[in-house]
Amino acid sequence: WWTGSLSLLADALHSITDSANNVLGLITSRFSSPRPDRDH
């Protein structure tokens, strides 16, 4: 934002997906138990 660099802002957008991926991973890992149960 300070420099007005499009490529750097695009890189920041890419980093937003890094953080979103971590949140997604936390959610999916909670439900990804390898232990079987009645429904799975």
PDB file of all heavy atoms in Angstrom:
ATOM      1  N   TRP A   1       0.823  -1.206   0.000  1.00  0.00           N
ATOM      2  CA  TRP A   1       0.000   0.000   0.000  1.00  0.00           C
ATOM      3  C   TRP A   1       0.854   1.250   0.000  1.00  0.00           C
ATOM      4  O   TRP A   1       0.570   2.222  -0.693  1.00  0.00           O
ATOM      5  CB  TRP A   1      -0.917  -0.037   1.221  1.00  0.00           C
ATOM      6  CG  TRP A   1      -1.847   1.145   1.291  1.00  0.00           C
ATOM      7  CD1 TRP A   1      -2.963   1.362   0.542  1.00  0.00           C
ATOM      8  CD2 TRP A   1      -1.717   2.268   2.172  1.00  0.00           C
ATOM      9  NE1 TRP A   1      -3.548   2.559   0.898  1.00  0.00           N
ATOM     10  CE2 TRP A   1      -2.803   3.135   1.894  1.00  0.00           C
ATOM     11  CE3 TRP A   1      -0.794   2.633   3.166  1.00  0.00           C
ATOM     12  CZ2 TRP A   1      -2.993   4.336   2.585  1.00  0.00           C
ATOM     13  CZ3 TRP A   1      -0.986   3.822   3.842  1.00  0.00           C
ATOM     14  CH2 TRP A   1      -2.067   4.656   3.548  1.00  0.00           C
ATOM     15  N   TRP A   2       1.955   1.244   0.785  1.00  0.00           N
ATOM     16  CA  TRP A   2       2.855   2.397   0.833  1.00  0.00           C
ATOM     17  C   TRP A   2       3.494   2.673  -0.526  1.00  0.00           C
ATOM     18  O   TRP A   2       3.605   3.805  -0.963  1.00  0.00           O
ATOM     19  CB  TRP A   2       3.965   2.153   1.860  1.00  0.00           C
ATOM     20  CG  TRP A   2       3.555   2.430   3.271  1.00  0.00           C
ATOM     21  CD1 TRP A   2       2.471   3.148   3.708  1.00  0.00           C
ATOM     22  CD2 TRP A   2       4.220   1.977   4.452  1.00  0.00           C
ATOM     23  NE1 TRP A   2       2.411   3.164   5.074  1.00  0.00           N
ATOM     24  CE2 TRP A   2       3.481   2.461   5.574  1.00  0.00           C
ATOM     25  CE3 TRP A   2       5.352   1.217   4.703  1.00  0.00           C
ATOM     26  CZ2 TRP A   2       3.851   2.210   6.879  1.00  0.00           C
ATOM     27  CZ3 TRP A   2       5.734   0.964   6.014  1.00  0.00           C
ATOM     28  CH2 TRP A   2       4.975   1.449   7.082  1.00  0.00           C
ATOM     29  N   THR A   3       3.939   1.606  -1.168  1.00  0.00           N
ATOM     30  CA  THR A   3       4.717   1.765  -2.408  1.00  0.00           C
ATOM     31  C   THR A   3       3.847   1.814  -3.657  1.00  0.00           C
ATOM     32  O   THR A   3       4.305   2.256  -4.708  1.00  0.00           O
ATOM     33  CB  THR A   3       5.718   0.614  -2.553  1.00  0.00           C
ATOM     34  OG1 THR A   3       5.006  -0.642  -2.624  1.00  0.00           O
ATOM     35  CG2 THR A   3       6.685   0.572  -1.369  1.00  0.00           C
ATOM     36  N   GLY A   4       2.603   1.309  -3.577  1.00  0.00           N
ATOM     37  CA  GLY A   4       1.749   1.230  -4.758  1.00  0.00           C
ATOM     38  C   GLY A   4       2.119   0.092  -5.686  1.00  0.00           C
ATOM     39  O   GLY A   4       1.802   0.135  -6.879  1.00  0.00           O
ATOM     40  N   SER A   5       2.760  -0.940  -5.154  1.00  0.00           N
ATOM     41  CA  SER A   5       3.222  -2.070  -5.978  1.00  0.00           C
ATOM     42  C   SER A   5       2.104  -3.083  -6.181  1.00  0.00           C
ATOM     43  O   SER A   5       1.603  -3.675  -5.220  1.00  0.00           O
ATOM     44  CB  SER A   5       4.417  -2.750  -5.312  1.00  0.00           C
ATOM     45  OG  SER A   5       4.715  -3.976  -5.951  1.00  0.00           O
ATOM     46  N   LEU A   6       1.710  -3.288  -7.447  1.00  0.00           N
ATOM     47  CA  LEU A   6       0.678  -4.275  -7.770  1.00  0.00           C
ATOM     48  C   LEU A   6       1.158  -5.682  -7.467  1.00  0.00           C
ATOM     49  O   LEU A   6       0.424  -6.496  -6.908  1.00  0.00           O
ATOM     50  CB  LEU A   6       0.288  -4.154  -9.245  1.00  0.00           C
ATOM     51  CG  LEU A   6      -0.677  -5.222  -9.766  1.00  0.00           C
ATOM     52  CD1 LEU A   6      -2.019  -5.120  -9.072  1.00  0.00           C
ATOM     53  CD2 LEU A   6      -0.843  -5.107 -11.274  1.00  0.00           C
ATOM     54  N   SER A   7       2.405  -5.988  -7.846  1.00  0.00           N
ATOM     55  CA  SER A   7       2.917  -7.351  -7.632  1.00  0.00           C
ATOM     56  C   SER A   7       3.002  -7.674  -6.142  1.00  0.00           C
ATOM     57  O   SER A   7       2.730  -8.804  -5.728  1.00  0.00           O
ATOM     58  CB  SER A   7       4.286  -7.507  -8.296  1.00  0.00           C
ATOM     59  OG  SER A   7       5.230  -6.589  -7.769  1.00  0.00           O
ATOM     60  N   LEU A   8       3.347  -6.675  -5.325  1.00  0.00           N
ATOM     61  CA  LEU A   8       3.437  -6.916  -3.879  1.00  0.00           C
ATOM     62  C   LEU A   8       2.048  -7.050  -3.253  1.00  0.00           C
ATOM     63  O   LEU A   8       1.839  -7.884  -2.367  1.00  0.00           O
ATOM     64  CB  LEU A   8       4.222  -5.789  -3.202  1.00  0.00           C
ATOM     65  CG  LEU A   8       4.555  -6.004  -1.718  1.00  0.00           C
ATOM     66  CD1 LEU A   8       5.243  -7.343  -1.505  1.00  0.00           C
ATOM     67  CD2 LEU A   8       5.422  -4.863  -1.202  1.00  0.00           C
ATOM     68  N   LEU A   9       1.080  -6.258  -3.722  1.00  0.00           N
ATOM     69  CA  LEU A   9      -0.289  -6.417  -3.240  1.00  0.00           C
ATOM     70  C   LEU A   9      -0.859  -7.772  -3.651  1.00  0.00           C
ATOM     71  O   LEU A   9      -1.609  -8.404  -2.904  1.00  0.00           O
ATOM     72  CB  LEU A   9      -1.170  -5.287  -3.788  1.00  0.00           C
ATOM     73  CG  LEU A   9      -0.931  -3.903  -3.168  1.00  0.00           C
ATOM     74  CD1 LEU A   9      -1.730  -2.837  -3.919  1.00  0.00           C
ATOM     75  CD2 LEU A   9      -1.286  -3.899  -1.683  1.00  0.00           C
ATOM     76  N   ALA A  10      -0.483  -8.242  -4.868  1.00  0.00           N
ATOM     77  CA  ALA A  10      -0.892  -9.579  -5.305  1.00  0.00           C
ATOM     78  C   ALA A  10      -0.272 -10.644  -4.415  1.00  0.00           C
ATOM     79  O   ALA A  10      -0.907 -11.641  -4.072  1.00  0.00           O
ATOM     80  CB  ALA A  10      -0.483  -9.800  -6.759  1.00  0.00           C
ATOM     81  N   ASP A  11       0.978 -10.419  -4.035  1.00  0.00           N
ATOM     82  CA  ASP A  11       1.658 -11.350  -3.132  1.00  0.00           C
ATOM     83  C   ASP A  11       0.973 -11.355  -1.766  1.00  0.00           C
ATOM     84  O   ASP A  11       0.832 -12.406  -1.128  1.00  0.00           O
ATOM     85  CB  ASP A  11       3.123 -10.934  -3.005  1.00  0.00           C
ATOM     86  CG  ASP A  11       3.977 -12.011  -2.367  1.00  0.00           C
ATOM     87  OD1 ASP A  11       3.486 -13.152  -2.224  1.00  0.00           O
ATOM     88  OD2 ASP A  11       5.136 -11.729  -2.022  1.00  0.00           O
ATOM     89  N   ALA A  12       0.522 -10.178  -1.310  1.00  0.00           N
ATOM     90  CA  ALA A  12      -0.208 -10.109  -0.042  1.00  0.00           C
ATOM     91  C   ALA A  12      -1.524 -10.873  -0.139  1.00  0.00           C
ATOM     92  O   ALA A  12      -1.937 -11.553   0.810  1.00  0.00           O
ATOM     93  CB  ALA A  12      -0.470  -8.652   0.333  1.00  0.00           C
ATOM     94  N   LEU A  13      -2.180 -10.779  -1.299  1.00  0.00           N
ATOM     95  CA  LEU A  13      -3.411 -11.544  -1.520  1.00  0.00           C
ATOM     96  C   LEU A  13      -3.136 -13.038  -1.436  1.00  0.00           C
ATOM     97  O   LEU A  13      -3.913 -13.804  -0.860  1.00  0.00           O
ATOM     98  CB  LEU A  13      -4.000 -11.185  -2.880  1.00  0.00           C
ATOM     99  CG  LEU A  13      -5.266 -11.938  -3.305  1.00  0.00           C
ATOM    100  CD1 LEU A  13      -6.406 -11.638  -2.349  1.00  0.00           C
ATOM    101  CD2 LEU A  13      -5.653 -11.570  -4.730  1.00  0.00           C
ATOM    102  N   HIS A  14      -2.014 -13.444  -2.011  1.00  0.00           N
ATOM    103  CA  HIS A  14      -1.613 -14.849  -1.926  1.00  0.00           C
ATOM    104  C   HIS A  14      -1.415 -15.255  -0.475  1.00  0.00           C
ATOM    105  O   HIS A  14      -1.780 -16.365  -0.061  1.00  0.00           O
ATOM    106  CB  HIS A  14      -0.334 -15.057  -2.737  1.00  0.00           C
ATOM    107  CG  HIS A  14       0.036 -16.488  -2.924  1.00  0.00           C
ATOM    108  ND1 HIS A  14       1.334 -16.919  -3.008  1.00  0.00           N
ATOM    109  CD2 HIS A  14      -0.721 -17.602  -3.031  1.00  0.00           C
ATOM    110  CE1 HIS A  14       1.362 -18.225  -3.175  1.00  0.00           C
ATOM    111  NE2 HIS A  14       0.122 -18.666  -3.190  1.00  0.00           N
ATOM    112  N   SER A  15      -0.845 -14.359   0.331  1.00  0.00           N
ATOM    113  CA  SER A  15      -0.620 -14.654   1.748  1.00  0.00           C
ATOM    114  C   SER A  15      -1.929 -14.727   2.525  1.00  0.00           C
ATOM    115  O   SER A  15      -2.011 -15.423   3.540  1.00  0.00           O
ATOM    116  CB  SER A  15       0.303 -13.601   2.363  1.00  0.00           C
ATOM    117  OG  SER A  15       1.590 -13.665   1.792  1.00  0.00           O
ATOM    118  N   ILE A  16      -2.956 -13.990   2.054  1.00  0.00           N
ATOM    119  CA  ILE A  16      -4.277 -14.117   2.690  1.00  0.00           C
ATOM    120  C   ILE A  16      -4.783 -15.546   2.558  1.00  0.00           C
ATOM    121  O   ILE A  16      -5.354 -16.116   3.488  1.00  0.00           O
ATOM    122  CB  ILE A  16      -5.272 -13.125   2.056  1.00  0.00           C
ATOM    123  CG1 ILE A  16      -4.915 -11.697   2.447  1.00  0.00           C
ATOM    124  CG2 ILE A  16      -6.705 -13.439   2.495  1.00  0.00           C
ATOM    125  CD1 ILE A  16      -5.777 -10.646   1.786  1.00  0.00           C
ATOM    126  N   THR A  17      -4.546 -16.149   1.373  1.00  0.00           N
ATOM    127  CA  THR A  17      -4.975 -17.538   1.194  1.00  0.00           C
ATOM    128  C   THR A  17      -4.174 -18.475   2.085  1.00  0.00           C
ATOM    129  O   THR A  17      -4.680 -19.506   2.512  1.00  0.00           O
ATOM    130  CB  THR A  17      -4.835 -17.974  -0.278  1.00  0.00           C
ATOM    131  OG1 THR A  17      -3.462 -17.985  -0.659  1.00  0.00           O
ATOM    132  CG2 THR A  17      -5.599 -17.052  -1.204  1.00  0.00           C
ATOM    133  N   ASP A  18      -2.910 -18.127   2.391  1.00  0.00           N
ATOM    134  CA  ASP A  18      -2.131 -18.936   3.344  1.00  0.00           C
ATOM    135  C   ASP A  18      -2.860 -19.003   4.685  1.00  0.00           C
ATOM    136  O   ASP A  18      -3.015 -20.076   5.268  1.00  0.00           O
ATOM    137  CB  ASP A  18      -0.735 -18.331   3.546  1.00  0.00           C
ATOM    138  CG  ASP A  18       0.207 -18.639   2.399  1.00  0.00           C
ATOM    139  OD1 ASP A  18       0.054 -19.707   1.785  1.00  0.00           O
ATOM    140  OD2 ASP A  18       1.090 -17.817   2.126  1.00  0.00           O
ATOM    141  N   SER A  19      -3.264 -17.838   5.183  1.00  0.00           N
ATOM    142  CA  SER A  19      -3.948 -17.789   6.472  1.00  0.00           C
ATOM    143  C   SER A  19      -5.295 -18.505   6.412  1.00  0.00           C
ATOM    144  O   SER A  19      -5.662 -19.241   7.335  1.00  0.00           O
ATOM    145  CB  SER A  19      -4.154 -16.329   6.899  1.00  0.00           C
ATOM    146  OG  SER A  19      -2.911 -15.653   6.975  1.00  0.00           O
ATOM    147  N   ALA A  20      -6.028 -18.290   5.312  1.00  0.00           N
ATOM    148  CA  ALA A  20      -7.321 -18.968   5.159  1.00  0.00           C
ATOM    149  C   ALA A  20      -7.140 -20.479   5.109  1.00  0.00           C
ATOM    150  O   ALA A  20      -7.949 -21.237   5.648  1.00  0.00           O
ATOM    151  CB  ALA A  20      -8.015 -18.474   3.890  1.00  0.00           C
ATOM    152  N   ASN A  21      -6.063 -20.927   4.469  1.00  0.00           N
ATOM    153  CA  ASN A  21      -5.773 -22.360   4.392  1.00  0.00           C
ATOM    154  C   ASN A  21      -5.493 -22.936   5.770  1.00  0.00           C
ATOM    155  O   ASN A  21      -5.882 -24.073   6.076  1.00  0.00           O
ATOM    156  CB  ASN A  21      -4.579 -22.609   3.478  1.00  0.00           C
ATOM    157  CG  ASN A  21      -4.873 -22.235   2.044  1.00  0.00           C
ATOM    158  OD1 ASN A  21      -6.019 -22.195   1.632  1.00  0.00           O
ATOM    159  ND2 ASN A  21      -3.834 -21.942   1.288  1.00  0.00           N
ATOM    160  N   ASN A  22      -4.788 -22.176   6.603  1.00  0.00           N
ATOM    161  CA  ASN A  22      -4.513 -22.646   7.958  1.00  0.00           C
ATOM    162  C   ASN A  22      -5.811 -22.816   8.742  1.00  0.00           C
ATOM    163  O   ASN A  22      -5.993 -23.810   9.454  1.00  0.00           O
ATOM    164  CB  ASN A  22      -3.599 -21.659   8.686  1.00  0.00           C
ATOM    165  CG  ASN A  22      -2.212 -21.571   8.091  1.00  0.00           C
ATOM    166  OD1 ASN A  22      -1.604 -20.513   8.089  1.00  0.00           O
ATOM    167  ND2 ASN A  22      -1.705 -22.672   7.572  1.00  0.00           N
ATOM    168  N   VAL A  23      -6.718 -21.842   8.616  1.00  0.00           N
ATOM    169  CA  VAL A  23      -8.016 -21.932   9.292  1.00  0.00           C
ATOM    170  C   VAL A  23      -8.797 -23.136   8.765  1.00  0.00           C
ATOM    171  O   VAL A  23      -9.389 -23.903   9.531  1.00  0.00           O
ATOM    172  CB  VAL A  23      -8.815 -20.634   9.090  1.00  0.00           C
ATOM    173  CG1 VAL A  23     -10.219 -20.785   9.667  1.00  0.00           C
ATOM    174  CG2 VAL A  23      -8.097 -19.461   9.739  1.00  0.00           C
ATOM    175  N   LEU A  24      -8.793 -23.305   7.433  1.00  0.00           N
ATOM    176  CA  LEU A  24      -9.467 -24.452   6.828  1.00  0.00           C
ATOM    177  C   LEU A  24      -8.873 -25.765   7.332  1.00  0.00           C
ATOM    178  O   LEU A  24      -9.585 -26.721   7.642  1.00  0.00           O
ATOM    179  CB  LEU A  24      -9.344 -24.378   5.307  1.00  0.00           C
ATOM    180  CG  LEU A  24      -9.960 -25.530   4.508  1.00  0.00           C
ATOM    181  CD1 LEU A  24     -11.469 -25.585   4.717  1.00  0.00           C
ATOM    182  CD2 LEU A  24      -9.638 -25.372   3.034  1.00  0.00           C
ATOM    183  N   GLY A  25      -7.553 -25.803   7.433  1.00  0.00           N
ATOM    184  CA  GLY A  25      -6.891 -27.008   7.934  1.00  0.00           C
ATOM    185  C   GLY A  25      -7.263 -27.316   9.371  1.00  0.00           C
ATOM    186  O   GLY A  25      -7.454 -28.479   9.738  1.00  0.00           O
ATOM    187  N   LEU A  26      -7.383 -26.270  10.205  1.00  0.00           N
ATOM    188  CA  LEU A  26      -7.784 -26.472  11.595  1.00  0.00           C
ATOM    189  C   LEU A  26      -9.196 -27.056  11.682  1.00  0.00           C
ATOM    190  O   LEU A  26      -9.477 -27.926  12.508  1.00  0.00           O
ATOM    191  CB  LEU A  26      -7.716 -25.149  12.353  1.00  0.00           C
ATOM    192  CG  LEU A  26      -6.313 -24.633  12.679  1.00  0.00           C
ATOM    193  CD1 LEU A  26      -6.372 -23.192  13.159  1.00  0.00           C
ATOM    194  CD2 LEU A  26      -5.642 -25.516  13.723  1.00  0.00           C
ATOM    195  N   ILE A  27     -10.077 -26.578  10.794  1.00  0.00           N
ATOM    196  CA  ILE A  27     -11.452 -27.084  10.791  1.00  0.00           C
ATOM    197  C   ILE A  27     -11.504 -28.532  10.337  1.00  0.00           C
ATOM    198  O   ILE A  27     -12.131 -29.390  10.968  1.00  0.00           O
ATOM    199  CB  ILE A  27     -12.339 -26.198   9.892  1.00  0.00           C
ATOM    200  CG1 ILE A  27     -12.456 -24.797  10.489  1.00  0.00           C
ATOM    201  CG2 ILE A  27     -13.734 -26.819   9.724  1.00  0.00           C
ATOM    202  CD1 ILE A  27     -13.145 -23.804   9.577  1.00  0.00           C
ATOM    203  N   THR A  28     -10.821 -28.834   9.207  1.00  0.00           N
ATOM    204  CA  THR A  28     -10.881 -30.191   8.668  1.00  0.00           C
ATOM    205  C   THR A  28     -10.169 -31.194   9.559  1.00  0.00           C
ATOM    206  O   THR A  28     -10.613 -32.338   9.683  1.00  0.00           O
ATOM    207  CB  THR A  28     -10.274 -30.241   7.258  1.00  0.00           C
ATOM    208  OG1 THR A  28      -8.925 -29.739   7.294  1.00  0.00           O
ATOM    209  CG2 THR A  28     -11.083 -29.430   6.280  1.00  0.00           C
ATOM    210  N   SER A  29      -9.066 -30.794  10.194  1.00  0.00           N
ATOM    211  CA  SER A  29      -8.350 -31.737  11.053  1.00  0.00           C
ATOM    212  C   SER A  29      -9.184 -32.133  12.268  1.00  0.00           C
ATOM    213  O   SER A  29      -9.025 -33.218  12.813  1.00  0.00           O
ATOM    214  CB  SER A  29      -7.008 -31.145  11.506  1.00  0.00           C
ATOM    215  OG  SER A  29      -7.212 -30.051  12.388  1.00  0.00           O
ATOM    216  N   ARG A  30     -10.084 -31.233  12.667  1.00  0.00           N
ATOM    217  CA  ARG A  30     -10.960 -31.556  13.801  1.00  0.00           C
ATOM    218  C   ARG A  30     -11.910 -32.698  13.459  1.00  0.00           C
ATOM    219  O   ARG A  30     -12.296 -33.496  14.320  1.00  0.00           O
ATOM    220  CB  ARG A  30     -11.754 -30.312  14.202  1.00  0.00           C
ATOM    221  CG  ARG A  30     -12.699 -30.546  15.378  1.00  0.00           C
ATOM    222  CD  ARG A  30     -13.383 -29.268  15.808  1.00  0.00           C
ATOM    223  NE  ARG A  30     -14.288 -29.504  16.923  1.00  0.00           N
ATOM    224  CZ  ARG A  30     -13.932 -29.560  18.197  1.00  0.00           C
ATOM    225  NH1 ARG A  30     -12.663 -29.410  18.518  1.00  0.00           N
ATOM    226  NH2 ARG A  30     -14.819 -29.772  19.154  1.00  0.00           N
ATOM    227  N   PHE A  31     -12.296 -32.782  12.180  1.00  0.00           N
ATOM    228  CA  PHE A  31     -13.266 -33.789  11.765  1.00  0.00           C
ATOM    229  C   PHE A  31     -12.625 -34.977  11.036  1.00  0.00           C
ATOM    230  O   PHE A  31     -13.333 -35.842  10.540  1.00  0.00           O
ATOM    231  CB  PHE A  31     -14.318 -33.157  10.839  1.00  0.00           C
ATOM    232  CG  PHE A  31     -15.139 -32.099  11.510  1.00  0.00           C
ATOM    233  CD1 PHE A  31     -14.888 -30.761  11.275  1.00  0.00           C
ATOM    234  CD2 PHE A  31     -16.154 -32.446  12.382  1.00  0.00           C
ATOM    235  CE1 PHE A  31     -15.647 -29.772  11.887  1.00  0.00           C
ATOM    236  CE2 PHE A  31     -16.921 -31.461  13.006  1.00  0.00           C
ATOM    237  CZ  PHE A  31     -16.655 -30.123  12.758  1.00  0.00           C
ATOM    238  N   SER A  32     -11.293 -35.025  10.988  1.00  0.00           N
ATOM    239  CA  SER A  32     -10.641 -36.060  10.179  1.00  0.00           C
ATOM    240  C   SER A  32     -10.057 -37.192  11.014  1.00  0.00           C
ATOM    241  O   SER A  32      -8.974 -37.693  10.731  1.00  0.00           O
ATOM    242  CB  SER A  32      -9.530 -35.430   9.335  1.00  0.00           C
ATOM    243  OG  SER A  32      -8.534 -34.870  10.172  1.00  0.00           O
ATOM    244  N   SER A  33     -10.761 -37.602  12.048  1.00  0.00           N
ATOM    245  CA  SER A  33     -10.273 -38.688  12.895  1.00  0.00           C
ATOM    246  C   SER A  33     -10.122 -39.986  12.096  1.00  0.00           C
ATOM    247  O   SER A  33     -11.010 -40.355  11.324  1.00  0.00           O
ATOM    248  CB  SER A  33     -11.239 -38.936  14.053  1.00  0.00           C
ATOM    249  OG  SER A  33     -10.881 -40.106  14.751  1.00  0.00           O
ATOM    250  N   PRO A  34      -8.974 -40.684  12.246  1.00  0.00           N
ATOM    251  CA  PRO A  34      -8.810 -41.962  11.557  1.00  0.00           C
ATOM    252  C   PRO A  34      -9.593 -43.098  12.216  1.00  0.00           C
ATOM    253  O   PRO A  34      -9.706 -44.184  11.652  1.00  0.00           O
ATOM    254  CB  PRO A  34      -7.297 -42.219  11.654  1.00  0.00           C
ATOM    255  CG  PRO A  34      -6.892 -41.547  12.917  1.00  0.00           C
ATOM    256  CD  PRO A  34      -7.763 -40.311  13.014  1.00  0.00           C
ATOM    257  N   ARG A  35     -10.126 -42.855  13.408  1.00  0.00           N
ATOM    258  CA  ARG A  35     -10.833 -43.914  14.136  1.00  0.00           C
ATOM    259  C   ARG A  35     -12.257 -44.076  13.597  1.00  0.00           C
ATOM    260  O   ARG A  35     -12.989 -43.096  13.477  1.00  0.00           O
ATOM    261  CB  ARG A  35     -10.846 -43.600  15.627  1.00  0.00           C
ATOM    262  CG  ARG A  35      -9.453 -43.394  16.199  1.00  0.00           C
ATOM    263  CD  ARG A  35      -9.468 -43.224  17.695  1.00  0.00           C
ATOM    264  NE  ARG A  35      -8.132 -42.890  18.185  1.00  0.00           N
ATOM    265  CZ  ARG A  35      -7.161 -43.775  18.371  1.00  0.00           C
ATOM    266  NH1 ARG A  35      -7.398 -45.048  18.102  1.00  0.00           N
ATOM    267  NH2 ARG A  35      -5.978 -43.404  18.812  1.00  0.00           N
ATOM    268  N   PRO A  36     -12.651 -45.304  13.277  1.00  0.00           N
ATOM    269  CA  PRO A  36     -13.993 -45.530  12.730  1.00  0.00           C
ATOM    270  C   PRO A  36     -15.067 -45.369  13.798  1.00  0.00           C
ATOM    271  O   PRO A  36     -14.809 -45.498  14.993  1.00  0.00           O
ATOM    272  CB  PRO A  36     -13.927 -46.981  12.239  1.00  0.00           C
ATOM    273  CG  PRO A  36     -12.872 -47.622  13.096  1.00  0.00           C
ATOM    274  CD  PRO A  36     -11.866 -46.548  13.386  1.00  0.00           C
ATOM    275  N   ASP A  37     -16.272 -45.055  13.347  1.00  0.00           N
ATOM    276  CA  ASP A  37     -17.416 -45.041  14.240  1.00  0.00           C
ATOM    277  C   ASP A  37     -18.622 -45.580  13.467  1.00  0.00           C
ATOM    278  O   ASP A  37     -18.479 -46.031  12.328  1.00  0.00           O
ATOM    279  CB  ASP A  37     -17.681 -43.637  14.807  1.00  0.00           C
ATOM    280  CG  ASP A  37     -17.893 -42.593  13.721  1.00  0.00           C
ATOM    281  OD1 ASP A  37     -18.407 -42.943  12.634  1.00  0.00           O
ATOM    282  OD2 ASP A  37     -17.546 -41.425  13.950  1.00  0.00           O
ATOM    283  N   ARG A  38     -19.797 -45.524  14.070  1.00  0.00           N
ATOM    284  CA  ARG A  38     -20.984 -46.112  13.444  1.00  0.00           C
ATOM    285  C   ARG A  38     -21.309 -45.458  12.098  1.00  0.00           C
ATOM    286  O   ARG A  38     -21.639 -46.146  11.131  1.00  0.00           O
ATOM    287  CB  ARG A  38     -22.182 -45.975  14.396  1.00  0.00           C
ATOM    288  CG  ARG A  38     -23.480 -46.537  13.831  1.00  0.00           C
ATOM    289  CD  ARG A  38     -24.630 -46.318  14.808  1.00  0.00           C
ATOM    290  NE  ARG A  38     -25.886 -46.746  14.211  1.00  0.00           N
ATOM    291  CZ  ARG A  38     -26.337 -48.001  14.242  1.00  0.00           C
ATOM    292  NH1 ARG A  38     -25.623 -48.947  14.830  1.00  0.00           N
ATOM    293  NH2 ARG A  38     -27.489 -48.308  13.680  1.00  0.00           N
ATOM    294  N   ASP A  39     -21.210 -44.145  12.041  1.00  0.00           N
ATOM    295  CA  ASP A  39     -21.568 -43.430  10.817  1.00  0.00           C
ATOM    296  C   ASP A  39     -20.445 -43.413   9.781  1.00  0.00           C
ATOM    297  O   ASP A  39     -20.701 -43.215   8.597  1.00  0.00           O
ATOM    298  CB  ASP A  39     -21.974 -41.985  11.145  1.00  0.00           C
ATOM    299  CG  ASP A  39     -23.240 -41.927  11.979  1.00  0.00           C
ATOM    300  OD1 ASP A  39     -24.113 -42.797  11.779  1.00  0.00           O
ATOM    301  OD2 ASP A  39     -23.341 -41.024  12.839  1.00  0.00           O
ATOM    302  N   HIS A  40     -19.210 -43.573  10.227  1.00  0.00           N
ATOM    303  CA  HIS A  40     -18.054 -43.557   9.323  1.00  0.00           C
ATOM    304  C   HIS A  40     -17.152 -44.758   9.647  1.00  0.00           C
ATOM    305  O   HIS A  40     -16.111 -44.620  10.293  1.00  0.00           O
ATOM    306  CB  HIS A  40     -17.254 -42.258   9.476  1.00  0.00           C
ATOM    307  CG  HIS A  40     -18.064 -41.028   9.202  1.00  0.00           C
ATOM    308  ND1 HIS A  40     -18.836 -40.421  10.166  1.00  0.00           N
ATOM    309  CD2 HIS A  40     -18.232 -40.313   8.063  1.00  0.00           C
ATOM    310  CE1 HIS A  40     -19.435 -39.358   9.637  1.00  0.00           C
ATOM    311  NE2 HIS A  40     -19.087 -39.275   8.362  1.00  0.00           N
TER     312      HIS A  40
END
